[in-house]
Amino acid sequence: MSSTEAQDLPIRDNMIRLGQLLKLANLAEDGIHAKQLIEDGLVKVNGEIEERRGRQLHAGDEVSVNGETVRITREG
């Protein structure tokens, strides 16, 4: 998979918080790692650096960390 290609990540609910998504997508090992990635400015949401771990994400949003990108989709 190339670094520009997003991988779909289905979620059950209408929304997921950024910290939760990083763990679910295996982009962060745990909450502490997720917080550090965000504080270091390494997390982008829809191409913009995001500094809020509690940012609400919805279907269609794309999150990138270290060249890996996931696109949120609705499950089912």
C-alpha atoms as a PDB file:
ATOM      1  CA  MET A   1       0.000   0.000   0.000  1.00  0.00           C
ATOM      2  CA  SER A   2       1.391   3.407  -0.910  1.00  0.00           C
ATOM      3  CA  SER A   3       1.544   6.199   1.641  1.00  0.00           C
ATOM      4  CA  THR A   4      -1.075   8.213  -0.275  1.00  0.00           C
ATOM      5  CA  GLU A   5      -3.659   5.436  -0.285  1.00  0.00           C
ATOM      6  CA  ALA A   6      -6.122   5.510   2.616  1.00  0.00           C
ATOM      7  CA  GLN A   7      -7.236   2.321   4.313  1.00  0.00           C
ATOM      8  CA  ASP A   8     -10.922   2.196   5.261  1.00  0.00           C
ATOM      9  CA  LEU A   9     -11.670   1.870   8.968  1.00  0.00           C
ATOM     10  CA  PRO A  10     -15.328   1.097   9.753  1.00  0.00           C
ATOM     11  CA  ILE A  11     -16.828   2.406  13.007  1.00  0.00           C
ATOM     12  CA  ARG A  12     -20.110   1.378  14.654  1.00  0.00           C
ATOM     13  CA  ASP A  13     -21.240   4.788  15.886  1.00  0.00           C
ATOM     14  CA  ASN A  14     -21.711   8.135  14.153  1.00  0.00           C
ATOM     15  CA  MET A  15     -18.533   9.499  15.738  1.00  0.00           C
ATOM     16  CA  ILE A  16     -15.209   8.434  17.231  1.00  0.00           C
ATOM     17  CA  ARG A  17     -12.686  10.557  19.102  1.00  0.00           C
ATOM     18  CA  LEU A  18      -9.215  10.982  17.641  1.00  0.00           C
ATOM     19  CA  GLY A  19      -7.406   9.278  20.532  1.00  0.00           C
ATOM     20  CA  GLN A  20      -9.694   6.249  20.261  1.00  0.00           C
ATOM     21  CA  LEU A  21      -9.262   6.076  16.497  1.00  0.00           C
ATOM     22  CA  LEU A  22      -5.470   6.066  16.727  1.00  0.00           C
ATOM     23  CA  LYS A  23      -5.614   3.020  19.005  1.00  0.00           C
ATOM     24  CA  LEU A  24      -8.332   1.251  16.966  1.00  0.00           C
ATOM     25  CA  ALA A  25      -6.371   1.713  13.728  1.00  0.00           C
ATOM     26  CA  ASN A  26      -3.149   0.516  15.422  1.00  0.00           C
ATOM     27  CA  LEU A  27      -1.521   3.868  14.656  1.00  0.00           C
ATOM     28  CA  ALA A  28      -0.798   4.265  18.386  1.00  0.00           C
ATOM     29  CA  GLU A  29       0.091   1.569  20.922  1.00  0.00           C
ATOM     30  CA  ASP A  30      -2.046   3.071  23.697  1.00  0.00           C
ATOM     31  CA  GLY A  31      -3.573   6.317  24.938  1.00  0.00           C
ATOM     32  CA  ILE A  32      -0.241   7.693  26.125  1.00  0.00           C
ATOM     33  CA  HIS A  33       1.335   7.049  22.719  1.00  0.00           C
ATOM     34  CA  ALA A  34      -1.690   8.642  20.982  1.00  0.00           C
ATOM     35  CA  LYS A  35      -1.390  11.741  23.176  1.00  0.00           C
ATOM     36  CA  GLN A  36       2.337  12.018  22.411  1.00  0.00           C
ATOM     37  CA  LEU A  37       1.802  11.700  18.647  1.00  0.00           C
ATOM     38  CA  ILE A  38      -0.820  14.461  18.779  1.00  0.00           C
ATOM     39  CA  GLU A  39       1.307  16.742  21.006  1.00  0.00           C
ATOM     40  CA  ASP A  40       4.276  16.274  18.662  1.00  0.00           C
ATOM     41  CA  GLY A  41       2.185  17.476  15.691  1.00  0.00           C
ATOM     42  CA  LEU A  42       2.427  14.144  13.870  1.00  0.00           C
ATOM     43  CA  VAL A  43      -1.326  13.592  13.428  1.00  0.00           C
ATOM     44  CA  LYS A  44      -3.252  15.129  10.550  1.00  0.00           C
ATOM     45  CA  VAL A  45      -7.016  15.108  10.110  1.00  0.00           C
ATOM     46  CA  ASN A  46      -8.142  15.825   6.557  1.00  0.00           C
ATOM     47  CA  GLY A  47      -4.672  17.165   5.756  1.00  0.00           C
ATOM     48  CA  GLU A  48      -4.473  19.578   8.715  1.00  0.00           C
ATOM     49  CA  ILE A  49      -2.382  19.036  11.859  1.00  0.00           C
ATOM     50  CA  GLU A  50      -4.756  18.257  14.733  1.00  0.00           C
ATOM     51  CA  GLU A  51      -3.817  19.019  18.340  1.00  0.00           C
ATOM     52  CA  ARG A  52      -7.026  17.920  20.108  1.00  0.00           C
ATOM     53  CA  ARG A  53      -7.092  14.286  21.224  1.00  0.00           C
ATOM     54  CA  GLY A  54     -10.856  14.602  21.788  1.00  0.00           C
ATOM     55  CA  ARG A  55     -11.573  15.815  18.244  1.00  0.00           C
ATOM     56  CA  GLN A  56     -14.762  14.177  16.993  1.00  0.00           C
ATOM     57  CA  LEU A  57     -14.307  12.313  13.733  1.00  0.00           C
ATOM     58  CA  HIS A  58     -17.039  11.146  11.383  1.00  0.00           C
ATOM     59  CA  ALA A  59     -17.391   8.962   8.293  1.00  0.00           C
ATOM     60  CA  GLY A  60     -15.352  10.436   5.453  1.00  0.00           C
ATOM     61  CA  ASP A  61     -12.671  11.964   7.687  1.00  0.00           C
ATOM     62  CA  GLU A  62      -9.092  10.894   6.971  1.00  0.00           C
ATOM     63  CA  VAL A  63      -6.417  10.607   9.649  1.00  0.00           C
ATOM     64  CA  SER A  64      -2.709  10.392   8.807  1.00  0.00           C
ATOM     65  CA  VAL A  65       0.218   9.466  11.049  1.00  0.00           C
ATOM     66  CA  ASN A  66       3.778   8.833   9.827  1.00  0.00           C
ATOM     67  CA  GLY A  67       2.699   8.274   6.220  1.00  0.00           C
ATOM     68  CA  GLU A  68      -0.172   5.908   7.084  1.00  0.00           C
ATOM     69  CA  THR A  69      -3.695   7.105   6.366  1.00  0.00           C
ATOM     70  CA  VAL A  70      -7.066   5.704   7.431  1.00  0.00           C
ATOM     71  CA  ARG A  71     -10.478   6.831   6.183  1.00  0.00           C
ATOM     72  CA  ILE A  72     -13.387   6.485   8.558  1.00  0.00           C
ATOM     73  CA  THR A  73     -16.407   4.644   7.191  1.00  0.00           C
ATOM     74  CA  ARG A  74     -19.688   3.553   8.753  1.00  0.00           C
ATOM     75  CA  GLU A  75     -19.998  -0.108   9.673  1.00  0.00           C
ATOM     76  CA  GLY A  76     -22.894  -1.940   8.063  1.00  0.00           C
END
